Amino acid sequence: MSDVLNGQRPASVLSAIWAARYRTPARFVALVALLLPWTTTGVTFALIPWLITFAFVDLREFPRSLLRPVCLLPIALVVLALLGTLWSDAPWPERLHAIGPPAKLLVIPLLIYQFERWPHGNWVFSAFLASCALLMLYSFVVAIDPALSLKLYLSRGPYKVESGVAVRNYIDQSQEFGLCAIALIYPIVALFREGRVRIAMLLAAIAIGFLVNRCLSWSRARHW
């Protein structure tokens, strides 16, 4: 009670809120990773609060960070896409719409700058892995009954039944599963070396599930 009267409790709360500004951007990126396998529209909405919170971090070194080759490359690709619109005969709204996909590369320098300074990269990987694992299980269900695919509700265009494709298309789904399977190699080997066999075997089973689903998606795509 005396702490509250002396103002220590509000001060500690304010300190915690101020310190949270370092973790909040990483949490929004984890939310983006969680939504990425399922919906691109949701990812767009999740990027907006992340960009807002990113503005509150220490940006004094950010201009210098952009001069590194790893950051200059995605920027150069976007500039190249912008230059490509100059000799297009399409109307300007269509030209600007075409820049949307390469413009997403501009997020890369921001992510590099953020996660070089805060050790929360495991949040993003864990969120993406868990989301892809859930999508993988659902994909096996859709392989049994394609009518259960969420594409019926999430697709913007005409719906096409595809066996094993849960939300988008087999190319995106296979790429995400392949990425997770490759990324799991290092933690699996590290866990085996540390003697944590059960967790390593669980991750190995998940990685095998990703590869099996990816192979089945490729064979189903050829059939369809």
C-alpha atoms as a PDB file:
ATOM      1  CA  MET A   1       0.000   0.000   0.000  1.00  0.00           C
ATOM      2  CA  SER A   2       2.823   2.365   0.814  1.00  0.00           C
ATOM      3  CA  ASP A   3       4.405   1.619  -2.556  1.00  0.00           C
ATOM      4  CA  VAL A   4       1.229   2.698  -4.295  1.00  0.00           C
ATOM      5  CA  LEU A   5       1.034   5.864  -2.188  1.00  0.00           C
ATOM      6  CA  ASN A   6       4.653   6.642  -2.927  1.00  0.00           C
ATOM      7  CA  GLY A   7       4.044   6.239  -6.639  1.00  0.00           C
ATOM      8  CA  GLN A   8       6.295   3.198  -7.095  1.00  0.00           C
ATOM      9  CA  ARG A   9       3.586   0.949  -8.513  1.00  0.00           C
ATOM     10  CA  PRO A  10       2.587   3.331 -11.348  1.00  0.00           C
ATOM     11  CA  ALA A  11       6.250   3.942 -12.065  1.00  0.00           C
ATOM     12  CA  SER A  12       6.898   0.215 -12.386  1.00  0.00           C
ATOM     13  CA  VAL A  13       3.876  -0.182 -14.661  1.00  0.00           C
ATOM     14  CA  LEU A  14       5.049   2.642 -16.889  1.00  0.00           C
ATOM     15  CA  SER A  15       8.544   1.142 -16.966  1.00  0.00           C
ATOM     16  CA  ALA A  16       7.125  -2.204 -18.030  1.00  0.00           C
ATOM     17  CA  ILE A  17       5.090  -0.559 -20.785  1.00  0.00           C
ATOM     18  CA  TRP A  18       8.135   1.368 -21.989  1.00  0.00           C
ATOM     19  CA  ALA A  19      10.292  -1.752 -21.962  1.00  0.00           C
ATOM     20  CA  ALA A  20       7.605  -3.649 -23.896  1.00  0.00           C
ATOM     21  CA  ARG A  21       8.208  -1.435 -26.913  1.00  0.00           C
ATOM     22  CA  TYR A  22      11.209  -3.652 -27.684  1.00  0.00           C
ATOM     23  CA  ARG A  23       9.147  -6.842 -27.662  1.00  0.00           C
ATOM     24  CA  THR A  24       5.920  -5.617 -29.263  1.00  0.00           C
ATOM     25  CA  PRO A  25       7.247  -5.373 -32.864  1.00  0.00           C
ATOM     26  CA  ALA A  26       8.558  -8.935 -32.622  1.00  0.00           C
ATOM     27  CA  ARG A  27       5.152 -10.114 -31.443  1.00  0.00           C
ATOM     28  CA  PHE A  28       3.468  -8.558 -34.451  1.00  0.00           C
ATOM     29  CA  VAL A  29       5.999 -10.225 -36.756  1.00  0.00           C
ATOM     30  CA  ALA A  30       5.202 -13.520 -35.035  1.00  0.00           C
ATOM     31  CA  LEU A  31       1.528 -12.827 -35.769  1.00  0.00           C
ATOM     32  CA  VAL A  32       2.427 -12.248 -39.425  1.00  0.00           C
ATOM     33  CA  ALA A  33       4.293 -15.571 -39.497  1.00  0.00           C
ATOM     34  CA  LEU A  34       1.288 -17.256 -37.900  1.00  0.00           C
ATOM     35  CA  LEU A  35      -1.101 -15.931 -40.559  1.00  0.00           C
ATOM     36  CA  LEU A  36       1.198 -16.275 -43.565  1.00  0.00           C
ATOM     37  CA  PRO A  37       0.439 -19.922 -44.448  1.00  0.00           C
ATOM     38  CA  TRP A  38      -3.309 -19.270 -44.327  1.00  0.00           C
ATOM     39  CA  THR A  39      -4.090 -15.806 -45.702  1.00  0.00           C
ATOM     40  CA  THR A  40      -2.260 -12.993 -47.449  1.00  0.00           C
ATOM     41  CA  THR A  41      -4.994 -10.493 -46.585  1.00  0.00           C
ATOM     42  CA  GLY A  42      -4.563 -11.163 -42.870  1.00  0.00           C
ATOM     43  CA  VAL A  43      -0.823 -10.698 -43.247  1.00  0.00           C
ATOM     44  CA  THR A  44      -1.385  -7.259 -44.761  1.00  0.00           C
ATOM     45  CA  PHE A  45      -3.548  -6.193 -41.821  1.00  0.00           C
ATOM     46  CA  ALA A  46      -0.992  -7.560 -39.330  1.00  0.00           C
ATOM     47  CA  LEU A  47       1.852  -5.659 -41.018  1.00  0.00           C
ATOM     48  CA  ILE A  48       0.202  -2.292 -40.356  1.00  0.00           C
ATOM     49  CA  PRO A  49       0.454  -2.396 -36.523  1.00  0.00           C
ATOM     50  CA  TRP A  50       3.962  -3.848 -36.819  1.00  0.00           C
ATOM     51  CA  LEU A  51       5.078  -0.884 -38.938  1.00  0.00           C
ATOM     52  CA  ILE A  52       3.537   1.475 -36.381  1.00  0.00           C
ATOM     53  CA  THR A  53       5.343  -0.171 -33.455  1.00  0.00           C
ATOM     54  CA  PHE A  54       8.571  -0.366 -35.457  1.00  0.00           C
ATOM     55  CA  ALA A  55       8.629   3.439 -35.536  1.00  0.00           C
ATOM     56  CA  PHE A  56       9.018   3.504 -31.733  1.00  0.00           C
ATOM     57  CA  VAL A  57      12.249   1.501 -31.615  1.00  0.00           C
ATOM     58  CA  ASP A  58      15.727   2.982 -31.736  1.00  0.00           C
ATOM     59  CA  LEU A  59      16.199   3.947 -35.397  1.00  0.00           C
ATOM     60  CA  ARG A  60      19.435   5.909 -35.109  1.00  0.00           C
ATOM     61  CA  GLU A  61      21.433   3.215 -36.910  1.00  0.00           C
ATOM     62  CA  PHE A  62      18.709   2.350 -39.410  1.00  0.00           C
ATOM     63  CA  PRO A  63      19.913   4.633 -42.280  1.00  0.00           C
ATOM     64  CA  ARG A  64      23.388   3.127 -42.046  1.00  0.00           C
ATOM     65  CA  SER A  65      21.894  -0.364 -41.981  1.00  0.00           C
ATOM     66  CA  LEU A  66      20.170   0.266 -45.330  1.00  0.00           C
ATOM     67  CA  LEU A  67      23.555   0.774 -47.007  1.00  0.00           C
ATOM     68  CA  ARG A  68      24.579  -2.858 -46.531  1.00  0.00           C
ATOM     69  CA  PRO A  69      24.329  -5.196 -49.555  1.00  0.00           C
ATOM     70  CA  VAL A  70      21.820  -7.461 -47.798  1.00  0.00           C
ATOM     71  CA  CYS A  71      19.455  -4.479 -47.515  1.00  0.00           C
ATOM     72  CA  LEU A  72      20.349  -2.764 -50.780  1.00  0.00           C
ATOM     73  CA  LEU A  73      19.466  -5.821 -52.880  1.00  0.00           C
ATOM     74  CA  PRO A  74      15.703  -5.906 -52.119  1.00  0.00           C
ATOM     75  CA  ILE A  75      15.564  -2.109 -52.439  1.00  0.00           C
ATOM     76  CA  ALA A  76      17.281  -2.307 -55.837  1.00  0.00           C
ATOM     77  CA  LEU A  77      14.803  -4.951 -57.025  1.00  0.00           C
ATOM     78  CA  VAL A  78      11.868  -2.715 -56.102  1.00  0.00           C
ATOM     79  CA  VAL A  79      13.489   0.241 -57.882  1.00  0.00           C
ATOM     80  CA  LEU A  80      13.998  -1.969 -60.941  1.00  0.00           C
ATOM     81  CA  ALA A  81      10.299  -2.890 -60.858  1.00  0.00           C
ATOM     82  CA  LEU A  82       9.402   0.805 -60.678  1.00  0.00           C
ATOM     83  CA  LEU A  83      11.610   1.570 -63.674  1.00  0.00           C
ATOM     84  CA  GLY A  84       9.934  -1.255 -65.562  1.00  0.00           C
ATOM     85  CA  THR A  85       6.601   0.550 -65.351  1.00  0.00           C
ATOM     86  CA  LEU A  86       7.931   3.519 -67.341  1.00  0.00           C
ATOM     87  CA  TRP A  87       7.778   1.767 -70.710  1.00  0.00           C
ATOM     88  CA  SER A  88       4.557  -0.154 -70.052  1.00  0.00           C
ATOM     89  CA  ASP A  89       1.467   0.667 -72.131  1.00  0.00           C
ATOM     90  CA  ALA A  90      -0.910  -0.332 -69.309  1.00  0.00           C
ATOM     91  CA  PRO A  91      -2.845   2.337 -67.361  1.00  0.00           C
ATOM     92  CA  TRP A  92      -1.082   3.665 -64.271  1.00  0.00           C
ATOM     93  CA  PRO A  93      -3.453   1.955 -61.796  1.00  0.00           C
ATOM     94  CA  GLU A  94      -2.509  -1.395 -63.331  1.00  0.00           C
ATOM     95  CA  ARG A  95       1.187  -0.515 -63.296  1.00  0.00           C
ATOM     96  CA  LEU A  96       1.085   0.412 -59.625  1.00  0.00           C
ATOM     97  CA  HIS A  97      -0.878  -2.735 -58.833  1.00  0.00           C
ATOM     98  CA  ALA A  98       1.840  -4.817 -60.504  1.00  0.00           C
ATOM     99  CA  ILE A  99       4.455  -3.275 -58.191  1.00  0.00           C
ATOM    100  CA  GLY A 100       2.667  -4.732 -55.146  1.00  0.00           C
ATOM    101  CA  PRO A 101       4.407  -8.146 -55.091  1.00  0.00           C
ATOM    102  CA  PRO A 102       7.999  -6.835 -55.409  1.00  0.00           C
ATOM    103  CA  ALA A 103       7.214  -3.996 -52.959  1.00  0.00           C
ATOM    104  CA  LYS A 104       6.869  -6.634 -50.247  1.00  0.00           C
ATOM    105  CA  LEU A 105      10.652  -7.052 -50.440  1.00  0.00           C
ATOM    106  CA  LEU A 106      10.988  -3.720 -48.645  1.00  0.00           C
ATOM    107  CA  VAL A 107      10.000  -5.494 -45.440  1.00  0.00           C
ATOM    108  CA  ILE A 108      13.290  -7.434 -45.485  1.00  0.00           C
ATOM    109  CA  PRO A 109      15.560  -4.532 -44.386  1.00  0.00           C
ATOM    110  CA  LEU A 110      13.152  -3.754 -41.544  1.00  0.00           C
ATOM    111  CA  LEU A 111      13.136  -7.353 -40.347  1.00  0.00           C
ATOM    112  CA  ILE A 112      16.929  -7.574 -40.522  1.00  0.00           C
ATOM    113  CA  TYR A 113      17.325  -4.387 -38.511  1.00  0.00           C
ATOM    114  CA  GLN A 114      14.842  -5.499 -35.874  1.00  0.00           C
ATOM    115  CA  PHE A 115      16.056  -9.025 -35.250  1.00  0.00           C
ATOM    116  CA  GLU A 116      19.730  -8.078 -35.224  1.00  0.00           C
ATOM    117  CA  ARG A 117      18.960  -6.199 -32.000  1.00  0.00           C
ATOM    118  CA  TRP A 118      16.368  -8.335 -30.193  1.00  0.00           C
ATOM    119  CA  PRO A 119      16.584 -12.085 -29.579  1.00  0.00           C
ATOM    120  CA  HIS A 120      13.007 -12.873 -30.508  1.00  0.00           C
ATOM    121  CA  GLY A 121      13.574 -14.614 -33.819  1.00  0.00           C
ATOM    122  CA  ASN A 122      12.511 -17.898 -32.231  1.00  0.00           C
ATOM    123  CA  TRP A 123       9.016 -16.427 -31.793  1.00  0.00           C
ATOM    124  CA  VAL A 124       8.681 -15.975 -35.537  1.00  0.00           C
ATOM    125  CA  PHE A 125      10.050 -19.399 -36.408  1.00  0.00           C
ATOM    126  CA  SER A 126       7.908 -21.146 -33.783  1.00  0.00           C
ATOM    127  CA  ALA A 127       4.759 -19.341 -34.935  1.00  0.00           C
ATOM    128  CA  PHE A 128       5.407 -20.150 -38.605  1.00  0.00           C
ATOM    129  CA  LEU A 129       6.268 -23.770 -37.829  1.00  0.00           C
ATOM    130  CA  ALA A 130       3.181 -24.312 -35.663  1.00  0.00           C
ATOM    131  CA  SER A 131       0.928 -22.693 -38.264  1.00  0.00           C
ATOM    132  CA  CYS A 132       2.394 -24.781 -41.096  1.00  0.00           C
ATOM    133  CA  ALA A 133       2.123 -27.967 -39.006  1.00  0.00           C
ATOM    134  CA  LEU A 134      -1.574 -27.278 -38.432  1.00  0.00           C
ATOM    135  CA  LEU A 135      -2.014 -26.551 -42.135  1.00  0.00           C
ATOM    136  CA  MET A 136      -0.227 -29.798 -42.978  1.00  0.00           C
ATOM    137  CA  LEU A 137      -2.625 -31.831 -40.824  1.00  0.00           C
ATOM    138  CA  TYR A 138      -5.585 -30.054 -42.352  1.00  0.00           C
ATOM    139  CA  SER A 139      -4.157 -30.685 -45.817  1.00  0.00           C
ATOM    140  CA  PHE A 140      -4.199 -34.432 -45.194  1.00  0.00           C
ATOM    141  CA  VAL A 141      -7.874 -34.118 -44.213  1.00  0.00           C
ATOM    142  CA  VAL A 142      -8.589 -32.194 -47.426  1.00  0.00           C
ATOM    143  CA  ALA A 143      -6.762 -34.900 -49.383  1.00  0.00           C
ATOM    144  CA  ILE A 144      -9.381 -37.360 -48.119  1.00  0.00           C
ATOM    145  CA  ASP A 145     -12.301 -35.009 -48.781  1.00  0.00           C
ATOM    146  CA  PRO A 146     -11.474 -32.023 -51.065  1.00  0.00           C
ATOM    147  CA  ALA A 147     -14.871 -30.486 -50.288  1.00  0.00           C
ATOM    148  CA  LEU A 148     -13.514 -29.559 -46.822  1.00  0.00           C
ATOM    149  CA  SER A 149     -11.029 -27.094 -48.326  1.00  0.00           C
ATOM    150  CA  LEU A 150     -11.277 -23.531 -47.027  1.00  0.00           C
ATOM    151  CA  LYS A 151     -10.711 -22.233 -50.556  1.00  0.00           C
ATOM    152  CA  LEU A 152     -14.478 -22.270 -50.940  1.00  0.00           C
ATOM    153  CA  TYR A 153     -14.635 -19.438 -48.383  1.00  0.00           C
ATOM    154  CA  LEU A 154     -11.277 -17.678 -48.849  1.00  0.00           C
ATOM    155  CA  SER A 155     -10.773 -17.761 -52.616  1.00  0.00           C
ATOM    156  CA  ARG A 156     -11.355 -14.450 -54.380  1.00  0.00           C
ATOM    157  CA  GLY A 157     -11.912 -15.978 -57.781  1.00  0.00           C
ATOM    158  CA  PRO A 158     -13.727 -19.079 -59.031  1.00  0.00           C
ATOM    159  CA  TYR A 159     -13.231 -22.005 -56.704  1.00  0.00           C
ATOM    160  CA  LYS A 160     -11.378 -25.004 -58.085  1.00  0.00           C
ATOM    161  CA  VAL A 161     -11.372 -28.264 -56.156  1.00  0.00           C
ATOM    162  CA  GLU A 162      -7.802 -29.447 -55.524  1.00  0.00           C
ATOM    163  CA  SER A 163      -7.121 -32.522 -53.456  1.00  0.00           C
ATOM    164  CA  GLY A 164      -4.953 -31.718 -50.443  1.00  0.00           C
ATOM    165  CA  VAL A 165      -4.892 -27.934 -50.986  1.00  0.00           C
ATOM    166  CA  ALA A 166      -6.361 -26.392 -47.851  1.00  0.00           C
ATOM    167  CA  VAL A 167      -6.437 -22.651 -48.478  1.00  0.00           C
ATOM    168  CA  ARG A 168      -4.463 -21.273 -51.438  1.00  0.00           C
ATOM    169  CA  ASN A 169      -2.650 -23.409 -54.018  1.00  0.00           C
ATOM    170  CA  TYR A 170      -0.293 -26.361 -54.033  1.00  0.00           C
ATOM    171  CA  ILE A 171       2.721 -24.226 -55.062  1.00  0.00           C
ATOM    172  CA  ASP A 172       2.557 -21.898 -52.039  1.00  0.00           C
ATOM    173  CA  GLN A 173       1.685 -24.758 -49.736  1.00  0.00           C
ATOM    174  CA  SER A 174       4.542 -26.947 -50.975  1.00  0.00           C
ATOM    175  CA  GLN A 175       7.058 -24.116 -50.719  1.00  0.00           C
ATOM    176  CA  GLU A 176       6.076 -23.398 -47.109  1.00  0.00           C
ATOM    177  CA  PHE A 177       6.257 -27.068 -46.162  1.00  0.00           C
ATOM    178  CA  GLY A 178       9.608 -27.495 -47.895  1.00  0.00           C
ATOM    179  CA  LEU A 179      10.998 -24.440 -46.118  1.00  0.00           C
ATOM    180  CA  CYS A 180       9.925 -25.787 -42.729  1.00  0.00           C
ATOM    181  CA  ALA A 181      11.394 -29.230 -43.434  1.00  0.00           C
ATOM    182  CA  ILE A 182      14.773 -27.725 -44.336  1.00  0.00           C
ATOM    183  CA  ALA A 183      14.741 -25.295 -41.400  1.00  0.00           C
ATOM    184  CA  LEU A 184      14.081 -28.157 -38.962  1.00  0.00           C
ATOM    185  CA  ILE A 185      17.309 -29.962 -39.850  1.00  0.00           C
ATOM    186  CA  TYR A 186      19.498 -27.828 -37.584  1.00  0.00           C
ATOM    187  CA  PRO A 187      17.314 -27.984 -34.425  1.00  0.00           C
ATOM    188  CA  ILE A 188      16.808 -31.737 -34.902  1.00  0.00           C
ATOM    189  CA  VAL A 189      20.557 -32.382 -35.083  1.00  0.00           C
ATOM    190  CA  ALA A 190      21.229 -30.008 -32.169  1.00  0.00           C
ATOM    191  CA  LEU A 191      18.598 -31.686 -29.991  1.00  0.00           C
ATOM    192  CA  PHE A 192      19.977 -35.154 -30.731  1.00  0.00           C
ATOM    193  CA  ARG A 193      23.448 -33.978 -29.719  1.00  0.00           C
ATOM    194  CA  GLU A 194      22.056 -32.568 -26.476  1.00  0.00           C
ATOM    195  CA  GLY A 195      20.362 -35.883 -25.694  1.00  0.00           C
ATOM    196  CA  ARG A 196      16.821 -34.480 -26.016  1.00  0.00           C
ATOM    197  CA  VAL A 197      15.739 -37.398 -28.144  1.00  0.00           C
ATOM    198  CA  ARG A 198      11.964 -37.160 -27.681  1.00  0.00           C
ATOM    199  CA  ILE A 199      11.713 -33.562 -28.857  1.00  0.00           C
ATOM    200  CA  ALA A 200      14.135 -34.289 -31.702  1.00  0.00           C
ATOM    201  CA  MET A 201      12.039 -37.255 -32.837  1.00  0.00           C
ATOM    202  CA  LEU A 202       8.869 -35.158 -32.662  1.00  0.00           C
ATOM    203  CA  LEU A 203      10.406 -32.485 -34.884  1.00  0.00           C
ATOM    204  CA  ALA A 204      11.754 -35.181 -37.208  1.00  0.00           C
ATOM    205  CA  ALA A 205       8.244 -36.642 -37.538  1.00  0.00           C
ATOM    206  CA  ILE A 206       6.883 -33.178 -38.361  1.00  0.00           C
ATOM    207  CA  ALA A 207       9.626 -32.662 -40.966  1.00  0.00           C
ATOM    208  CA  ILE A 208       8.835 -36.039 -42.555  1.00  0.00           C
ATOM    209  CA  GLY A 209       5.156 -35.083 -42.603  1.00  0.00           C
ATOM    210  CA  PHE A 210       6.013 -31.881 -44.463  1.00  0.00           C
ATOM    211  CA  LEU A 211       8.050 -33.789 -47.061  1.00  0.00           C
ATOM    212  CA  VAL A 212       5.386 -36.476 -47.536  1.00  0.00           C
ATOM    213  CA  ASN A 213       2.668 -33.866 -47.962  1.00  0.00           C
ATOM    214  CA  ARG A 214       4.845 -31.925 -50.402  1.00  0.00           C
ATOM    215  CA  CYS A 215       5.467 -35.012 -52.526  1.00  0.00           C
ATOM    216  CA  LEU A 216       1.783 -35.917 -52.488  1.00  0.00           C
ATOM    217  CA  SER A 217       0.834 -32.364 -53.468  1.00  0.00           C
ATOM    218  CA  TRP A 218       3.195 -32.510 -56.444  1.00  0.00           C
ATOM    219  CA  SER A 219       1.821 -35.859 -57.610  1.00  0.00           C
ATOM    220  CA  ARG A 220      -1.778 -34.690 -57.115  1.00  0.00           C
ATOM    221  CA  ALA A 221      -1.070 -31.503 -59.071  1.00  0.00           C
ATOM    222  CA  ARG A 222       0.134 -33.542 -62.023  1.00  0.00           C
ATOM    223  CA  HIS A 223      -2.975 -35.714 -61.805  1.00  0.00           C
ATOM    224  CA  TRP A 224      -5.386 -32.771 -61.592  1.00  0.00           C
END
